[in-house]
């Protein structure tokens, strides 16, 4: 018995080759872009585009609002559930603290050390320069050279802020290196804001078990981040942006302040100061004319 080749020939589709994928998805459909995609020379359109090519470049808002009957909507739901689960775990087991989190670091102990040592080095270099110029007679200037005793005395005039997330140093004696106004000797914080922040951190620890603010250890939802970006940003063609900049216009919803108008009278410019003084001498009202 012979079987002809035409009888056993069968077309194998991608749906049969990849079951359960987007290729055999007849009920749920992918979203399509609502705009015409323009290809550039750097990224030209392929001669044999993939089946996913027609579903690429979908706008952000349609992706966000994709119904559950589409694969994008199902993916958004899975992502949202996973992120909310991570947030729930972060609420259950929050970190007590993190030394990497810093709110203020304007003048740290490293900056103080650098300032004191820089002054010590300057006095030493000054003394060496005097000796090289005046010789042995300049040895009397060694009294002005600062040593590590000066460092210890100056360091006692400064104190570190007791707030967990502040690295600032503040002066507790008036005759300090930077000439800053000294705080009380029994002070614990560099500012009133750090004192209030310490109280708020202790309250957070009583409620959630962490001194850190919630936004530090709990990630935001991807959907919320996208909403904030879309609220402050807009998509424009590159040539339109360049044309607006060339015209001196700002493509922003913010109101720019108006330019100040000079109301003191007419302004005359001169090429040289001699020419301006000569015009001043010939002016009728010299009291109202300024150069």
Protein backbone atom coordinates (compact mmCIF):
# COMPACT_ATOMS: atom_id res chain seq x y z
CA UNK A 1 0.00 0.00 0.00
CA UNK A 2 1.40 3.31 -0.98
CA UNK A 3 0.60 6.67 0.60
CA UNK A 4 0.95 9.78 -1.44
CA UNK A 5 2.93 12.68 0.01
CA UNK A 6 0.06 15.12 -0.57
CA UNK A 7 -2.17 13.15 1.78
CA UNK A 8 0.10 13.52 4.82
CA UNK A 9 1.17 17.11 4.15
CA UNK A 10 -0.16 19.51 6.83
CA UNK A 11 0.49 23.14 7.56
CA UNK A 12 1.95 23.67 11.04
CA UNK A 13 0.95 27.07 12.45
CA UNK A 14 2.69 29.09 15.15
CA UNK A 15 -0.29 28.47 17.42
CA UNK A 16 0.37 24.74 17.25
CA UNK A 17 4.10 25.22 17.59
CA UNK A 18 3.82 27.51 20.67
CA UNK A 19 0.66 26.51 22.53
CA UNK A 20 -0.52 28.89 25.21
CA UNK A 21 1.38 31.85 23.74
CA UNK A 22 0.15 34.97 22.00
CA UNK A 23 0.19 33.16 18.69
CA UNK A 24 -2.79 30.97 19.55
CA UNK A 25 -4.60 33.67 21.50
CA UNK A 26 -7.90 34.05 19.68
CA UNK A 27 -10.01 35.35 22.54
CA UNK A 28 -7.55 37.87 23.99
CA UNK A 29 -5.94 40.26 21.55
CA UNK A 30 -2.92 42.50 21.81
CA UNK A 31 -3.26 46.26 21.65
CA UNK A 32 -2.20 48.13 18.57
CA UNK A 33 -0.55 51.56 18.41
CA UNK A 34 -2.87 54.48 17.70
CA UNK A 35 -0.24 56.46 15.81
CA UNK A 36 1.82 55.88 12.71
CA UNK A 37 5.27 54.63 13.58
CA UNK A 38 8.06 56.54 11.80
CA UNK A 39 11.27 54.58 11.36
CA UNK A 40 14.65 56.29 11.26
CA UNK A 41 17.86 55.42 9.49
CA UNK A 42 19.37 54.23 12.77
CA UNK A 43 16.49 51.81 13.37
CA UNK A 44 15.02 50.99 9.97
CA UNK A 45 11.95 48.87 9.49
CA UNK A 46 12.94 45.22 9.03
CA UNK A 47 12.23 43.60 5.71
CA UNK A 48 10.63 40.62 7.44
CA UNK A 49 9.00 42.07 10.55
CA UNK A 50 8.11 39.82 13.43
CA UNK A 51 4.51 39.11 14.30
CA UNK A 52 5.02 41.38 17.32
CA UNK A 53 6.05 44.32 15.12
CA UNK A 54 2.47 45.44 14.55
CA UNK A 55 1.75 45.40 18.28
CA UNK A 56 4.81 47.42 19.33
CA UNK A 57 5.01 51.16 20.17
CA UNK A 58 1.66 51.24 21.96
CA UNK A 59 1.05 54.49 23.88
CA UNK A 60 1.42 54.57 27.67
CA UNK A 61 -2.17 55.50 28.48
CA UNK A 62 -3.76 52.69 26.41
CA UNK A 63 -1.32 50.26 28.01
CA UNK A 64 -2.30 51.48 31.45
CA UNK A 65 -6.03 51.23 30.72
CA UNK A 66 -5.82 47.94 28.85
CA UNK A 67 -8.85 45.76 29.65
CA UNK A 68 -8.43 42.32 31.14
CA UNK A 69 -9.51 40.80 27.84
CA UNK A 70 -6.08 41.70 26.45
CA UNK A 71 -2.70 40.30 27.29
CA UNK A 72 -1.49 43.74 28.37
CA UNK A 73 -4.34 43.99 30.86
CA UNK A 74 -3.51 40.58 32.29
CA UNK A 75 0.17 41.53 32.54
CA UNK A 76 -0.73 44.78 34.31
CA UNK A 77 -2.83 42.89 36.83
CA UNK A 78 -0.05 40.41 37.54
CA UNK A 79 2.47 43.23 37.95
CA UNK A 80 0.14 45.19 40.23
CA UNK A 81 -0.53 42.16 42.42
CA UNK A 82 3.21 41.41 42.70
CA UNK A 83 4.07 45.00 43.65
CA UNK A 84 1.30 45.15 46.24
CA UNK A 85 2.55 41.90 47.71
CA UNK A 86 6.04 43.39 48.01
CA UNK A 87 4.59 46.45 49.71
CA UNK A 88 2.69 44.26 52.14
CA UNK A 89 5.89 42.39 53.01
CA UNK A 90 7.71 45.70 53.51
CA UNK A 91 4.99 46.82 55.94
CA UNK A 92 5.24 43.57 57.89
CA UNK A 93 9.06 43.51 58.15
CA UNK A 94 10.35 47.06 57.70
CA UNK A 95 14.03 47.85 58.31
CA UNK A 96 14.61 49.45 61.69
CA UNK A 97 17.15 51.90 60.28
CA UNK A 98 19.67 52.31 57.49
CA UNK A 99 22.93 54.22 57.78
CA UNK A 100 22.86 54.90 54.05
CA UNK A 101 19.83 57.16 54.54
CA UNK A 102 20.99 60.74 55.21
CA UNK A 103 18.86 63.86 55.22
CA UNK A 104 21.44 66.57 56.01
CA UNK A 105 25.18 66.62 55.37
CA UNK A 106 26.06 70.28 54.78
CA UNK A 107 29.10 70.43 57.10
CA UNK A 108 30.27 67.01 58.26
CA UNK A 109 33.13 65.99 60.56
CA UNK A 110 35.22 65.29 57.45
CA UNK A 111 34.71 68.87 56.30
CA UNK A 112 35.69 70.14 59.75
CA UNK A 113 38.86 68.02 59.73
CA UNK A 114 39.75 69.32 56.28
CA UNK A 115 39.31 72.96 57.35
CA UNK A 116 41.44 72.58 60.49
CA UNK A 117 44.23 70.64 58.79
CA UNK A 118 44.26 73.10 55.88
CA UNK A 119 44.95 75.95 58.30
CA UNK A 120 47.67 73.93 60.00
CA UNK A 121 49.31 73.17 56.67
CA UNK A 122 49.10 76.81 55.62
CA UNK A 123 51.00 77.98 58.72
CA UNK A 124 53.69 75.34 58.13
CA UNK A 125 54.14 76.37 54.50
CA UNK A 126 54.27 80.02 55.51
CA UNK A 127 57.03 79.29 58.01
CA UNK A 128 59.06 77.35 55.40
CA UNK A 129 58.69 80.22 52.95
CA UNK A 130 59.97 82.73 55.54
CA UNK A 131 62.95 80.53 56.38
CA UNK A 132 63.84 80.18 52.70
CA UNK A 133 63.75 83.99 52.33
CA UNK A 134 65.15 85.30 55.64
CA UNK A 135 67.17 82.30 56.78
CA UNK A 136 67.78 81.42 60.41
CA UNK A 137 66.28 84.70 61.61
CA UNK A 138 62.82 83.40 60.72
CA UNK A 139 62.93 80.66 63.39
CA UNK A 140 60.98 82.94 65.68
CA UNK A 141 57.93 82.37 63.48
CA UNK A 142 57.72 78.76 64.63
CA UNK A 143 55.50 80.02 67.44
CA UNK A 144 52.79 80.70 64.86
CA UNK A 145 52.90 77.18 63.39
CA UNK A 146 49.80 75.21 64.41
CA UNK A 147 50.21 71.64 65.61
CA UNK A 148 47.88 68.85 66.67
CA UNK A 149 47.25 70.52 70.02
CA UNK A 150 45.50 73.24 68.04
CA UNK A 151 43.44 70.56 66.29
CA UNK A 152 42.30 69.06 69.61
CA UNK A 153 41.37 72.46 70.98
CA UNK A 154 39.43 73.41 67.87
CA UNK A 155 37.68 70.05 67.69
CA UNK A 156 36.26 70.56 71.19
CA UNK A 157 34.44 73.65 69.92
CA UNK A 158 32.25 71.56 67.63
CA UNK A 159 29.61 68.93 68.23
CA UNK A 160 27.77 66.48 66.00
CA UNK A 161 24.00 66.59 65.63
CA UNK A 162 22.21 63.85 67.57
CA UNK A 163 19.57 63.31 64.92
CA UNK A 164 20.03 59.87 63.37
CA UNK A 165 20.01 61.04 59.78
CA UNK A 166 21.93 64.31 60.10
CA UNK A 167 25.73 64.46 59.76
CA UNK A 168 26.13 68.18 60.37
CA UNK A 169 28.55 69.67 62.89
CA UNK A 170 27.65 72.83 64.80
CA UNK A 171 29.68 75.19 66.98
CA UNK A 172 29.30 75.28 70.76
CA UNK A 173 31.95 77.98 71.33
CA UNK A 174 32.07 81.41 69.79
CA UNK A 175 35.80 81.59 68.90
CA UNK A 176 35.56 78.78 66.37
CA UNK A 177 37.34 78.32 63.07
CA UNK A 178 34.43 79.36 60.85
CA UNK A 179 33.22 82.21 63.02
CA UNK A 180 29.77 80.70 63.38
CA UNK A 181 27.38 81.69 66.12
CA UNK A 182 27.70 79.19 68.95
CA UNK A 183 24.77 77.27 70.34
CA UNK A 184 24.20 76.43 73.97
CA UNK A 185 26.67 74.05 75.54
CA UNK A 186 23.87 71.59 76.41
CA UNK A 187 22.34 71.63 72.91
CA UNK A 188 21.91 68.32 71.09
CA UNK A 189 20.73 69.30 67.62
CA UNK A 190 22.08 71.59 64.95
CA UNK A 191 18.65 73.10 64.24
CA UNK A 192 15.06 73.09 65.38
CA UNK A 193 14.16 71.00 62.34
CA UNK A 194 16.40 68.15 63.48
CA UNK A 195 14.82 68.20 66.92
CA UNK A 196 11.35 67.84 65.42
CA UNK A 197 12.60 65.19 62.98
CA UNK A 198 13.90 63.12 65.90
CA UNK A 199 10.48 63.20 67.53
CA UNK A 200 8.82 62.19 64.25
CA UNK A 201 11.27 59.30 63.77
CA UNK A 202 10.48 57.99 67.27
CA UNK A 203 6.77 58.18 66.52
CA UNK A 204 7.30 56.24 63.28
CA UNK A 205 9.15 53.55 65.22
CA UNK A 206 6.27 53.15 67.66
CA UNK A 207 3.75 52.80 64.80
CA UNK A 208 5.61 50.80 62.14
CA UNK A 209 8.76 49.54 63.87
CA UNK A 210 11.08 51.62 61.66
CA UNK A 211 12.72 54.99 62.16
CA UNK A 212 12.86 55.47 58.39
CA UNK A 213 10.13 57.23 56.41
CA UNK A 214 7.81 54.91 54.52
CA UNK A 215 8.83 56.14 51.07
CA UNK A 216 12.46 55.05 51.67
CA UNK A 217 11.93 51.32 52.17
CA UNK A 218 8.64 50.87 50.31
CA UNK A 219 8.76 51.10 46.52
CA UNK A 220 6.06 52.98 44.67
CA UNK A 221 3.77 51.29 42.22
CA UNK A 222 4.92 51.40 38.62
CA UNK A 223 1.53 52.77 37.65
CA UNK A 224 1.89 55.67 40.10
CA UNK A 225 5.38 56.50 38.85
CA UNK A 226 4.12 56.54 35.26
CA UNK A 227 1.27 58.90 36.21
CA UNK A 228 3.71 61.36 37.78
CA UNK A 229 5.96 61.28 34.73
CA UNK A 230 3.07 61.79 32.32
CA UNK A 231 1.78 64.68 34.42
CA UNK A 232 5.04 66.62 34.15
CA UNK A 233 6.27 65.53 30.72
CA UNK A 234 4.95 65.66 27.21
CA UNK A 235 6.05 64.10 23.94
CA UNK A 236 6.93 66.41 21.03
CA UNK A 237 8.80 65.98 17.81
CA UNK A 238 12.47 66.91 18.01
CA UNK A 239 12.17 69.42 15.17
CA UNK A 240 9.26 71.18 16.93
CA UNK A 241 11.30 71.53 20.13
CA UNK A 242 14.28 72.90 18.19
CA UNK A 243 12.05 75.43 16.40
CA UNK A 244 10.60 76.64 19.69
CA UNK A 245 14.07 77.05 21.20
CA UNK A 246 15.22 78.92 18.10
CA UNK A 247 12.29 81.35 18.50
CA UNK A 248 13.12 81.87 22.17
CA UNK A 249 9.91 80.24 23.37
CA UNK A 250 9.71 77.84 26.28
CA UNK A 251 7.45 74.81 25.86
CA UNK A 252 6.39 74.60 29.47
CA UNK A 253 3.12 75.21 31.33
CA UNK A 254 5.04 77.28 33.89
CA UNK A 255 4.60 81.03 33.70
CA UNK A 256 7.87 82.83 33.13
CA UNK A 257 8.36 86.15 34.96
CA UNK A 258 8.06 89.29 32.91
CA UNK A 259 11.17 91.23 32.12
CA UNK A 260 11.77 94.32 34.19
CA UNK A 261 11.32 97.57 32.30
CA UNK A 262 13.78 100.38 32.91
CA UNK A 263 11.85 103.56 33.75
CA UNK A 264 14.76 105.85 34.53
CA UNK A 265 14.81 107.40 31.08
CA UNK A 266 16.54 106.77 27.78
CA UNK A 267 19.84 104.87 27.92
CA UNK A 268 22.64 105.94 25.59
CA UNK A 269 25.75 103.81 25.11
CA UNK A 270 29.21 105.10 24.20
CA UNK A 271 32.22 103.33 22.85
CA UNK A 272 34.76 104.87 25.25
CA UNK A 273 34.73 106.46 28.69
CA UNK A 274 36.18 109.69 27.25
CA UNK A 275 33.27 110.00 24.88
CA UNK A 276 30.82 109.39 27.74
CA UNK A 277 32.43 112.05 29.96
CA UNK A 278 32.37 114.54 27.11
CA UNK A 279 28.67 113.92 26.61
CA UNK A 280 28.16 114.38 30.32
CA UNK A 281 29.87 117.78 30.28
CA UNK A 282 27.70 118.92 27.38
CA UNK A 283 24.47 117.66 28.98
CA UNK A 284 22.00 120.28 30.12
CA UNK A 285 20.83 118.49 33.29
CA UNK A 286 24.01 117.03 34.74
CA UNK A 287 22.37 116.19 38.04
CA UNK A 288 20.00 113.72 36.36
CA UNK A 289 22.55 112.19 34.02
CA UNK A 290 24.65 109.22 35.12
CA UNK A 291 27.55 107.48 33.43
